Amino acid sequence: MKILVATGRLAEQTVRNAVGDLADVLIVDTKVAAFITPRKLFVAITDQLGSFDHDLIFIPGLVSGNFAKAEDELGCKIRLGPKHAYDLGFVLPFVEKMDFSTSVPACELLADVRREMALEKVQELEDAAVVPMTLGNLKIGGNSRMKVMAEVVDATGLEPEALALRIRSFEKKGADIIDLGASLHATPEDVKRAIGIARDTTVLPLSIDTLDPILIREALKCGIDLVLSLASSNIGDIGPEIAAAGVPAVVIPDPGEGFESLVSNMELARASGLNNLIADPVLDPIGHEIAGSLVRYMDFHKQNPDIPIFFGVGNVTELIDADSTGVNATLCGIGADLGASILFTPEYSNKTQGSINELKRASQMMVLSKERQSSPKDLGIDLIEIKEKRRRTDSVLPENFIPAEKNKMWILDPKGSIRISIIPDIHGIKEGFILAEHDIASVVGKTAREVMDTIIKMELVSRMEHAAYLGQELKKAELALRLGRSYSQDDEF
């Protein structure tokens, strides 16, 4: 396929460097490539090309306009390339494999396609996985993907609507298993009520999180799918009943004990008739001998390679003041090396919101990494939220420039003020909404642009400095929603 890449004068060298010998380059008579029009494209082709025999023309991804008539006259496809010239080298190798779009920039389209292909591969590997255990249709252990267990803290004490909302939210974020945490004061009736609500809310497997044999017994009567947890204190009382029900259970070491205690409790569980066991060597927080606990995991997995392993990621993320994204990704990679089968998180504190989705993506990345026998990069799925994988070309400071300065005067807009806030996580919808309130109307939207466009259309703003201020604040609000942060108008982000 013969390809022509159209660009403006300003980006010429960047385009030539990115394209190499993968395509021909056409310089259109405009400084900014985004301002290319069908007429300017025709003129450039006529002036610069002796003959035209190309199969595809890439115009910049930020170009707006209808090039359908130009396509007909040239007898050639015209498609949007990437937004940034730097990404041409990444996009061009795919021209033989897919048809690009007249409305979606190639970089965005390709990112979606690569992600879809990656997820299809993850599902293909999951379908083929051989495992020692299942929870309903969910595969646990073996060479299957690590599953994300999301704990609803104090599920037995929540009001029915609050519990159902929490479960729906966790399911939407990607949880594979819902763990119902029982409070210290929970009664069997509380357990029965929580499981009933959960069953009416989701089809995901459910686990009960308690050491109390009385509560576990009630959960078994209600058809619980998994029991957390067994230790020497309760195995004798409830172990045989769990075995009779055929329900898998997680075994932990006794409080304050280590590897030998876990091994001993596993033996006690087997003696009670339990065969479907998951081992939890217990991941200690940073600052509390996390390295020793990782050794414990490694030793247990080496000695028992066929036993699924429970990996309590939340023990670390909840007890470190760091963004959860990188912590979860790293721990997920370590867990994969240690044979982890279940990744546990309560997503309880504000700083760990989003952990379910982060662990789900990280677990998918580790499946692909293992399949490709490579580091978890360039997979089509990633956890890069703030930093960037490829830096765009930066501008060069011109010789003659005007130093910016803040206007010391502020004149109130005659149209009135607008108060901006956000409404996060409505009914489990992660992205939430931006709310812009004016005396005569309240505008709600998901992006700064659509809210600002509506404000302008309704003529709720009349001064340029007011419009500029609103654009700044609306974008901050949008970023707060995207990153799961709070927002307060006029505060530094």
Protein backbone atom coordinates (compact mmCIF):
# COMPACT_ATOMS: atom_id res chain seq x y z
CA MET A 1 0.00 0.00 0.00
CA LYS A 2 1.35 3.41 -1.00
CA ILE A 3 0.77 6.01 1.71
CA LEU A 4 0.96 9.79 1.69
CA VAL A 5 1.19 11.75 4.94
CA ALA A 6 0.03 15.38 4.74
CA THR A 7 1.33 17.92 7.24
CA GLY A 8 2.03 21.62 7.69
CA ARG A 9 5.32 23.51 7.57
CA LEU A 10 5.80 23.65 11.34
CA ALA A 11 5.71 19.86 11.82
CA GLU A 12 7.59 18.92 8.64
CA GLN A 13 10.80 17.68 10.24
CA THR A 14 9.00 15.84 13.03
CA VAL A 15 6.84 14.07 10.45
CA ARG A 16 9.78 13.13 8.25
CA ASN A 17 11.66 11.73 11.25
CA ALA A 18 8.63 9.71 12.38
CA VAL A 19 7.68 8.40 8.94
CA GLY A 20 11.11 7.37 7.68
CA ASP A 21 10.65 5.21 4.60
CA LEU A 22 7.17 3.99 5.58
CA ALA A 23 5.33 6.70 3.59
CA ASP A 24 5.71 9.77 1.38
CA VAL A 25 5.35 13.22 2.97
CA LEU A 26 3.32 16.10 1.52
CA ILE A 27 3.84 19.64 2.88
CA VAL A 28 0.62 21.64 2.67
CA ASP A 29 0.68 25.43 2.56
CA THR A 30 -0.23 26.06 6.19
CA LYS A 31 1.93 26.60 9.21
CA VAL A 32 -0.27 24.54 11.54
CA ALA A 33 -1.08 21.05 10.25
CA ALA A 34 -4.49 21.01 11.97
CA PHE A 35 -5.64 23.78 9.57
CA ILE A 36 -5.33 21.63 6.44
CA THR A 37 -8.46 21.88 4.26
CA PRO A 38 -9.53 19.83 1.20
CA ARG A 39 -8.67 22.75 -1.09
CA LYS A 40 -5.19 23.21 0.39
CA LEU A 41 -4.62 19.46 0.12
CA PHE A 42 -5.55 19.51 -3.59
CA VAL A 43 -3.24 22.44 -4.29
CA ALA A 44 -0.30 20.73 -2.54
CA ILE A 45 -0.83 17.48 -4.46
CA THR A 46 -1.03 19.34 -7.77
CA ASP A 47 2.06 21.48 -7.08
CA GLN A 48 4.33 18.82 -5.53
CA LEU A 49 3.40 15.49 -7.10
CA GLY A 50 3.92 14.82 -10.78
CA SER A 51 1.51 11.93 -10.68
CA PHE A 52 -0.82 10.65 -7.98
CA ASP A 53 -1.02 6.92 -7.36
CA HIS A 54 -1.38 6.64 -3.58
CA ASP A 55 -3.81 4.29 -1.85
CA LEU A 56 -4.17 6.22 1.40
CA ILE A 57 -3.67 9.78 2.60
CA PHE A 58 -3.19 10.43 6.30
CA ILE A 59 -4.20 13.92 7.41
CA PRO A 60 -3.46 15.11 10.98
CA GLY A 61 -5.75 13.70 13.65
CA LEU A 62 -6.85 17.16 14.79
CA VAL A 63 -8.08 18.23 11.34
CA SER A 64 -11.79 19.01 11.17
CA GLY A 65 -13.68 19.06 7.92
CA ASN A 66 -15.31 16.78 5.38
CA PHE A 67 -12.87 15.19 2.95
CA ALA A 68 -15.44 12.83 1.35
CA LYS A 69 -15.56 14.80 -1.93
CA ALA A 70 -11.75 14.91 -2.06
CA GLU A 71 -11.70 11.13 -1.64
CA ASP A 72 -14.02 10.69 -4.62
CA GLU A 73 -12.06 13.01 -6.87
CA LEU A 74 -8.67 11.52 -5.96
CA GLY A 75 -9.91 7.94 -5.92
CA CYS A 76 -8.01 7.45 -2.68
CA LYS A 77 -8.93 6.94 0.97
CA ILE A 78 -8.34 9.95 3.23
CA ARG A 79 -8.17 9.07 6.90
CA LEU A 80 -7.27 10.79 10.16
CA GLY A 81 -3.74 10.05 11.31
CA PRO A 82 -2.61 10.47 14.93
CA LYS A 83 -3.08 13.74 16.80
CA HIS A 84 0.67 14.12 17.24
CA ALA A 85 3.22 13.66 14.46
CA TYR A 86 5.48 11.76 16.84
CA ASP A 87 3.01 8.83 16.83
CA LEU A 88 3.11 8.27 13.06
CA GLY A 89 5.89 5.72 13.43
CA PHE A 90 3.64 3.77 15.78
CA VAL A 91 0.54 3.98 13.55
CA LEU A 92 1.90 3.35 10.03
CA PRO A 93 2.86 -0.33 10.49
CA PHE A 94 -0.85 -1.09 11.02
CA VAL A 95 -2.18 0.28 7.71
CA GLU A 96 -2.24 -3.17 6.09
CA LYS A 97 -4.06 -4.69 9.07
CA MET A 98 -6.99 -2.32 9.63
CA ASP A 99 -9.07 0.46 8.12
CA PHE A 100 -8.63 3.81 9.83
CA SER A 101 -11.37 6.36 10.48
CA THR A 102 -12.58 9.67 9.05
CA SER A 103 -13.72 10.81 12.50
CA VAL A 104 -11.51 9.14 15.13
CA PRO A 105 -7.76 9.97 15.23
CA ALA A 106 -5.60 6.95 14.40
CA CYS A 107 -3.81 7.01 17.75
CA GLU A 108 -7.11 6.70 19.63
CA LEU A 109 -8.53 4.11 17.25
CA LEU A 110 -5.39 2.01 17.41
CA ALA A 111 -5.27 2.22 21.20
CA ASP A 112 -8.84 0.89 21.33
CA VAL A 113 -8.06 -1.86 18.82
CA ARG A 114 -4.89 -2.93 20.61
CA ARG A 115 -6.73 -2.98 23.93
CA GLU A 116 -9.54 -5.06 22.45
CA MET A 117 -7.04 -7.50 20.96
CA ALA A 118 -5.23 -7.75 24.29
CA LEU A 119 -8.45 -8.43 26.19
CA GLU A 120 -9.47 -11.07 23.64
CA LYS A 121 -6.13 -12.79 24.18
CA VAL A 122 -6.59 -12.67 27.96
CA GLN A 123 -10.00 -14.33 27.59
CA GLU A 124 -8.59 -16.92 25.20
CA LEU A 125 -5.89 -17.86 27.71
CA GLU A 126 -8.46 -17.94 30.52
CA ASP A 127 -10.71 -20.28 28.56
CA ALA A 128 -7.78 -22.65 28.01
CA ALA A 129 -6.49 -22.48 31.60
CA VAL A 130 -6.31 -25.70 33.63
CA VAL A 131 -7.11 -25.13 37.31
CA PRO A 132 -7.45 -27.10 40.55
CA MET A 133 -10.56 -25.27 41.73
CA THR A 134 -13.61 -23.32 40.53
CA LEU A 135 -16.11 -21.03 42.24
CA GLY A 136 -19.16 -21.55 40.07
CA ASN A 137 -17.79 -20.82 36.59
CA LEU A 138 -14.83 -18.81 37.93
CA LYS A 139 -11.45 -20.52 37.61
CA ILE A 140 -9.11 -20.28 40.59
CA GLY A 141 -5.39 -21.09 40.56
CA GLY A 142 -3.44 -23.08 38.02
CA ASN A 143 -2.48 -21.01 35.00
CA SER A 144 -5.64 -18.89 35.11
CA ARG A 145 -5.65 -15.13 35.61
CA MET A 146 -5.33 -13.89 39.18
CA LYS A 147 -8.83 -13.03 40.39
CA VAL A 148 -9.70 -9.82 42.23
CA MET A 149 -11.60 -10.22 45.50
CA ALA A 150 -13.20 -6.99 46.71
CA GLU A 151 -14.16 -6.82 50.37
CA VAL A 152 -17.27 -4.96 51.46
CA VAL A 153 -16.10 -3.87 54.90
CA ASP A 154 -18.75 -4.43 57.61
CA ALA A 155 -21.19 -5.82 55.05
CA THR A 156 -23.26 -7.25 57.91
CA GLY A 157 -23.79 -3.76 59.36
CA LEU A 158 -24.69 -1.84 56.21
CA GLU A 159 -28.21 -0.81 55.29
CA PRO A 160 -29.63 -2.91 52.42
CA GLU A 161 -29.48 -0.10 49.84
CA ALA A 162 -25.92 0.85 50.83
CA LEU A 163 -24.76 -2.77 50.64
CA ALA A 164 -26.36 -3.33 47.24
CA LEU A 165 -24.87 -0.08 45.92
CA ARG A 166 -21.39 -1.04 47.16
CA ILE A 167 -21.62 -4.47 45.53
CA ARG A 168 -22.82 -3.05 42.19
CA SER A 169 -20.01 -0.51 42.27
CA PHE A 170 -17.38 -3.19 42.94
CA GLU A 171 -18.78 -5.38 40.18
CA LYS A 172 -18.70 -2.50 37.71
CA LYS A 173 -15.09 -1.77 38.64
CA GLY A 174 -14.07 -5.32 37.73
CA ALA A 175 -14.28 -7.44 40.89
CA ASP A 176 -14.34 -11.20 40.28
CA ILE A 177 -15.42 -12.15 43.83
CA ILE A 178 -17.38 -10.17 46.42
CA ASP A 179 -16.18 -10.68 50.00
CA LEU A 180 -18.73 -9.91 52.72
CA GLY A 181 -16.92 -8.67 55.80
CA ALA A 182 -18.61 -9.61 59.08
CA SER A 183 -18.28 -7.16 61.95
CA LEU A 184 -17.19 -8.29 65.42
CA HIS A 185 -20.75 -7.84 66.68
CA ALA A 186 -22.50 -9.53 63.75
CA THR A 187 -25.21 -12.10 64.39
CA PRO A 188 -26.24 -15.08 62.23
CA GLU A 189 -29.29 -13.05 61.17
CA ASP A 190 -26.98 -10.24 59.98
CA VAL A 191 -25.02 -12.74 57.90
CA LYS A 192 -28.20 -14.21 56.41
CA ARG A 193 -29.49 -10.75 55.52
CA ALA A 194 -26.17 -9.66 53.91
CA ILE A 195 -25.88 -12.82 51.80
CA GLY A 196 -29.52 -12.48 50.70
CA ILE A 197 -28.99 -8.91 49.55
CA ALA A 198 -25.76 -9.86 47.79
CA ARG A 199 -27.44 -12.76 45.97
CA ASP A 200 -30.20 -10.43 44.77
CA THR A 201 -27.61 -7.91 43.58
CA THR A 202 -24.91 -9.90 41.77
CA VAL A 203 -24.15 -13.26 40.19
CA LEU A 204 -20.51 -13.06 41.24
CA PRO A 205 -19.17 -15.65 43.72
CA LEU A 206 -19.54 -14.60 47.36
CA SER A 207 -17.22 -15.21 50.32
CA ILE A 208 -17.82 -14.66 54.03
CA ASP A 209 -15.01 -12.98 55.95
CA THR A 210 -14.97 -14.11 59.61
CA LEU A 211 -13.29 -16.54 61.99
CA ASP A 212 -16.49 -17.06 64.00
CA PRO A 213 -17.76 -20.66 63.52
CA ILE A 214 -21.34 -19.58 64.28
CA LEU A 215 -21.33 -17.00 61.50
CA ILE A 216 -19.59 -19.37 59.08
CA ARG A 217 -22.25 -22.02 59.85
CA GLU A 218 -25.01 -19.58 58.93
CA ALA A 219 -23.18 -18.59 55.74
CA LEU A 220 -22.97 -22.27 54.75
CA LYS A 221 -26.74 -22.60 55.22
CA CYS A 222 -27.17 -19.61 52.89
CA GLY A 223 -25.04 -21.22 50.17
CA ILE A 224 -21.84 -19.17 50.48
CA ASP A 225 -19.23 -19.94 47.81
CA LEU A 226 -16.02 -19.45 49.82
CA VAL A 227 -15.05 -19.16 53.49
CA LEU A 228 -12.47 -16.74 54.89
CA SER A 229 -10.74 -17.87 57.08
CA LEU A 230 -9.69 -21.02 58.90
CA ALA A 231 -7.06 -21.26 61.67
CA SER A 232 -6.43 -23.67 64.53
CA SER A 233 -9.02 -21.78 66.61
CA ASN A 234 -11.98 -22.72 64.39
CA ILE A 235 -11.01 -25.63 62.15
CA GLY A 236 -12.11 -28.22 64.70
CA ASP A 237 -15.51 -26.56 65.19
CA ILE A 238 -16.48 -25.77 61.62
CA GLY A 239 -14.02 -27.60 59.34
CA PRO A 240 -16.07 -30.82 58.94
CA GLU A 241 -19.22 -28.81 58.10
CA ILE A 242 -17.39 -26.81 55.43
CA ALA A 243 -16.06 -30.08 54.01
CA ALA A 244 -19.54 -31.64 54.00
CA ALA A 245 -20.88 -28.60 52.12
CA GLY A 246 -18.09 -28.90 49.54
CA VAL A 247 -17.20 -25.22 49.98
CA PRO A 248 -13.58 -24.07 49.46
CA ALA A 249 -11.87 -22.26 52.35
CA VAL A 250 -8.90 -19.98 52.90
CA VAL A 251 -6.44 -21.17 55.56
CA ILE A 252 -4.26 -18.70 57.48
CA PRO A 253 -1.51 -19.05 60.09
CA ASP A 254 -2.47 -18.39 63.68
CA PRO A 255 -2.11 -14.73 64.83
CA GLY A 256 1.53 -13.77 65.23
CA GLU A 257 2.73 -17.08 63.82
CA GLY A 258 4.45 -17.82 60.54
CA PHE A 259 5.19 -20.51 57.99
CA GLU A 260 5.05 -23.52 60.31
CA SER A 261 1.66 -22.44 61.64
CA LEU A 262 0.24 -22.19 58.11
CA VAL A 263 1.52 -25.67 57.23
CA SER A 264 0.10 -27.06 60.46
CA ASN A 265 -3.30 -25.47 59.87
CA MET A 266 -3.40 -26.79 56.31
CA GLU A 267 -2.84 -30.28 57.72
CA LEU A 268 -5.61 -29.77 60.29
CA ALA A 269 -7.97 -28.64 57.55
CA ARG A 270 -7.21 -31.70 55.44
CA ALA A 271 -7.76 -33.92 58.48
CA SER A 272 -11.22 -32.35 58.80
CA GLY A 273 -12.03 -33.57 55.29
CA LEU A 274 -11.33 -30.30 53.44
CA ASN A 275 -9.77 -30.70 50.01
CA ASN A 276 -10.52 -27.40 48.26
CA LEU A 277 -8.10 -25.21 50.18
CA ILE A 278 -6.56 -21.82 49.45
CA ALA A 279 -3.47 -20.83 51.43
CA ASP A 280 -2.89 -17.32 52.79
CA PRO A 281 0.69 -16.95 54.07
CA VAL A 282 -0.34 -13.32 54.97
CA LEU A 283 1.29 -10.37 53.25
CA ASP A 284 2.72 -7.99 55.87
CA PRO A 285 2.68 -4.19 55.36
CA ILE A 286 5.80 -2.24 54.46
CA GLY A 287 7.59 -1.44 57.69
CA HIS A 288 6.42 -4.71 59.24
CA GLU A 289 8.79 -7.19 57.58
CA ILE A 290 7.13 -7.37 54.19
CA ALA A 291 10.27 -9.01 52.80
CA GLY A 292 9.97 -11.86 55.29
CA SER A 293 6.34 -12.42 54.32
CA LEU A 294 7.29 -12.56 50.64
CA VAL A 295 9.84 -15.26 51.47
CA ARG A 296 7.04 -17.10 53.27
CA TYR A 297 4.93 -16.95 50.11
CA MET A 298 7.82 -18.13 47.96
CA ASP A 299 8.62 -21.06 50.24
CA PHE A 300 5.01 -22.18 50.44
CA HIS A 301 4.48 -21.98 46.67
CA LYS A 302 7.66 -23.95 45.96
CA GLN A 303 6.55 -26.72 48.32
CA ASN A 304 2.88 -26.65 47.24
CA PRO A 305 2.75 -25.51 43.59
CA ASP A 306 -0.78 -26.80 43.02
CA ILE A 307 -2.45 -25.01 45.95
CA PRO A 308 -4.08 -21.66 45.10
CA ILE A 309 -2.63 -18.74 47.05
CA PHE A 310 -4.43 -15.77 48.59
CA PHE A 311 -2.51 -12.46 48.29
CA GLY A 312 -3.72 -9.65 50.58
CA VAL A 313 -2.69 -6.61 48.54
CA GLY A 314 -4.86 -4.34 50.68
CA ASN A 315 -2.56 -4.95 53.65
CA VAL A 316 0.04 -2.86 51.82
CA THR A 317 -1.97 -0.27 49.86
CA GLU A 318 -4.03 0.77 52.88
CA LEU A 319 -0.90 1.33 54.99
CA ILE A 320 1.26 3.43 52.68
CA ASP A 321 0.76 7.07 51.71
CA ALA A 322 1.39 6.57 48.01
CA ASP A 323 -0.82 6.48 44.94
CA SER A 324 -2.31 3.00 44.70
CA THR A 325 -1.82 2.59 40.94
CA GLY A 326 1.89 1.85 40.93
CA VAL A 327 1.74 0.01 44.25
CA ASN A 328 -1.00 -2.31 42.98
CA ALA A 329 0.77 -2.93 39.67
CA THR A 330 4.04 -3.81 41.40
CA LEU A 331 2.41 -6.04 44.01
CA CYS A 332 0.42 -7.78 41.29
CA GLY A 333 3.63 -8.56 39.44
CA ILE A 334 5.23 -9.87 42.62
CA GLY A 335 2.09 -11.89 43.33
CA ALA A 336 2.29 -13.49 39.90
CA ASP A 337 5.86 -14.62 40.63
CA LEU A 338 4.72 -16.03 43.99
CA GLY A 339 1.89 -18.07 42.48
CA ALA A 340 -0.95 -15.84 43.71
CA SER A 341 -4.45 -16.85 42.63
CA ILE A 342 -6.60 -14.27 44.46
CA LEU A 343 -5.76 -10.57 44.87
CA PHE A 344 -7.59 -9.16 47.87
CA THR A 345 -8.47 -5.49 48.38
CA PRO A 346 -11.03 -3.68 50.54
CA GLU A 347 -10.70 -0.40 48.55
CA TYR A 348 -11.60 1.18 51.87
CA SER A 349 -9.66 4.44 52.32
CA ASN A 350 -9.90 7.41 49.96
CA LYS A 351 -6.33 6.96 48.71
CA THR A 352 -7.05 3.39 47.57
CA GLN A 353 -10.21 4.14 45.60
CA GLY A 354 -9.82 2.55 42.17
CA SER A 355 -7.78 -0.39 43.47
CA ILE A 356 -10.25 -2.97 42.15
CA ASN A 357 -9.95 -1.73 38.60
CA GLU A 358 -6.19 -1.30 38.95
CA LEU A 359 -5.72 -4.87 40.16
CA LYS A 360 -7.99 -6.21 37.43
CA ARG A 361 -5.95 -4.50 34.73
CA ALA A 362 -2.68 -5.48 36.38
CA SER A 363 -3.78 -9.12 36.53
CA GLN A 364 -4.58 -9.00 32.81
CA MET A 365 -1.19 -7.45 32.11
CA MET A 366 0.57 -10.25 34.00
CA VAL A 367 -1.28 -12.91 31.97
CA LEU A 368 -0.10 -11.33 28.72
CA SER A 369 3.40 -10.78 30.09
CA LYS A 370 3.70 -14.44 31.01
CA GLU A 371 2.34 -15.54 27.63
CA ARG A 372 4.84 -13.35 25.78
CA GLN A 373 7.66 -14.14 28.24
CA SER A 374 8.42 -10.43 28.48
CA SER A 375 8.16 -7.53 30.89
CA PRO A 376 4.62 -6.11 31.31
CA LYS A 377 4.98 -3.31 28.75
CA ASP A 378 3.65 -2.60 25.24
CA LEU A 379 0.78 -5.01 25.87
CA GLY A 380 -2.19 -2.91 24.77
CA ILE A 381 -3.26 -2.66 28.44
CA ASP A 382 -1.49 -0.42 30.93
CA LEU A 383 -1.80 1.41 34.24
CA ILE A 384 -0.21 4.69 33.21
CA GLU A 385 -2.55 7.35 34.58
CA ILE A 386 -0.46 10.48 35.16
CA LYS A 387 2.90 10.05 33.48
CA GLU A 388 3.31 9.33 29.79
CA LYS A 389 4.92 6.54 27.84
CA ARG A 390 5.85 8.70 24.84
CA ARG A 391 6.67 12.38 25.31
CA ARG A 392 5.41 14.69 22.58
CA THR A 393 7.68 17.20 20.89
CA ASP A 394 8.10 20.31 23.07
CA SER A 395 8.06 23.88 21.78
CA VAL A 396 11.18 26.02 21.58
CA LEU A 397 11.14 29.42 23.30
CA PRO A 398 11.01 32.13 20.59
CA GLU A 399 13.51 34.96 20.61
CA ASN A 400 10.79 37.57 20.94
CA PHE A 401 8.11 36.75 23.48
CA ILE A 402 5.84 38.58 25.90
CA PRO A 403 6.13 37.52 29.56
CA ALA A 404 2.72 36.54 30.91
CA GLU A 405 1.37 38.37 33.93
CA LYS A 406 -1.73 37.99 36.06
CA ASN A 407 -4.45 40.62 35.72
CA LYS A 408 -4.66 42.49 39.01
CA MET A 409 -8.25 43.56 38.40
CA TRP A 410 -11.31 41.34 38.45
CA ILE A 411 -14.64 42.63 37.16
CA LEU A 412 -17.73 40.62 38.01
CA ASP A 413 -19.48 39.19 34.95
CA PRO A 414 -22.83 40.99 34.46
CA LYS A 415 -24.32 37.60 33.57
CA GLY A 416 -23.58 36.40 37.10
CA SER A 417 -21.33 33.88 38.82
CA ILE A 418 -21.13 30.14 38.23
CA ARG A 419 -20.33 27.64 40.99
CA ILE A 420 -18.52 24.48 39.89
CA SER A 421 -18.50 21.18 41.77
CA ILE A 422 -18.40 17.46 41.01
CA ILE A 423 -20.80 14.60 41.70
CA PRO A 424 -18.60 11.49 41.90
CA ASP A 425 -19.50 7.82 41.70
CA ILE A 426 -23.27 8.08 41.16
CA HIS A 427 -24.78 4.60 41.59
CA GLY A 428 -21.39 3.02 41.00
CA ILE A 429 -20.64 5.00 37.82
CA LYS A 430 -16.94 5.66 38.13
CA GLU A 431 -16.59 8.83 36.03
CA GLY A 432 -19.28 10.88 37.81
CA PHE A 433 -20.38 14.33 36.63
CA ILE A 434 -19.36 18.00 36.61
CA LEU A 435 -21.99 20.40 37.97
CA ALA A 436 -21.97 24.09 36.95
CA GLU A 437 -24.64 26.09 38.83
CA HIS A 438 -25.88 29.49 37.65
CA ASP A 439 -28.82 31.49 38.99
CA ILE A 440 -30.98 30.54 36.00
CA ALA A 441 -29.69 27.04 35.16
CA SER A 442 -27.61 24.10 36.40
CA VAL A 443 -25.51 22.40 33.75
CA VAL A 444 -24.38 18.80 34.23
CA GLY A 445 -21.85 16.99 32.03
CA LYS A 446 -18.97 14.53 32.01
CA THR A 447 -16.34 16.71 30.34
CA ALA A 448 -15.17 20.30 30.71
CA ARG A 449 -15.74 20.94 27.01
CA GLU A 450 -19.39 19.89 26.88
CA VAL A 451 -20.19 21.86 30.04
CA MET A 452 -18.41 24.97 28.74
CA ASP A 453 -20.03 24.65 25.31
CA THR A 454 -23.44 24.51 26.97
CA ILE A 455 -22.66 27.55 29.16
CA ILE A 456 -21.69 29.53 26.06
CA LYS A 457 -24.71 28.31 24.08
CA MET A 458 -27.01 29.42 26.91
CA GLU A 459 -25.18 32.77 27.11
CA LEU A 460 -24.45 32.39 30.81
CA VAL A 461 -21.08 34.13 30.44
CA SER A 462 -20.22 37.45 28.79
CA ARG A 463 -16.65 38.39 29.75
CA MET A 464 -13.55 36.78 28.22
CA GLU A 465 -11.69 36.57 31.53
CA HIS A 466 -14.70 34.86 33.10
CA ALA A 467 -14.85 32.31 30.27
CA ALA A 468 -11.10 31.65 30.61
CA TYR A 469 -11.46 31.17 34.35
CA LEU A 470 -14.38 28.78 33.93
CA GLY A 471 -12.47 26.73 31.36
CA GLN A 472 -9.59 26.38 33.81
CA GLU A 473 -11.80 25.33 36.70
CA LEU A 474 -13.92 22.96 34.62
CA LYS A 475 -10.83 21.14 33.38
CA LYS A 476 -9.61 20.77 36.98
CA ALA A 477 -12.99 19.31 37.88
CA GLU A 478 -12.80 16.87 34.95
CA LEU A 479 -9.32 15.73 35.99
CA ALA A 480 -10.51 15.27 39.58
CA LEU A 481 -13.25 12.94 38.35
CA ARG A 482 -10.88 11.02 36.12
CA LEU A 483 -8.33 10.53 38.89
CA GLY A 484 -10.84 9.84 41.67
CA ARG A 485 -9.92 12.99 43.58
CA SER A 486 -12.04 15.57 45.38
CA TYR A 487 -12.48 19.04 43.90
CA SER A 488 -13.04 22.47 45.42
CA GLN A 489 -13.37 25.54 43.24
CA ASP A 490 -10.38 27.92 43.35
CA ASP A 491 -8.21 25.44 45.27
CA GLU A 492 -4.89 24.35 43.79
CA PHE A 493 -5.30 20.91 42.23
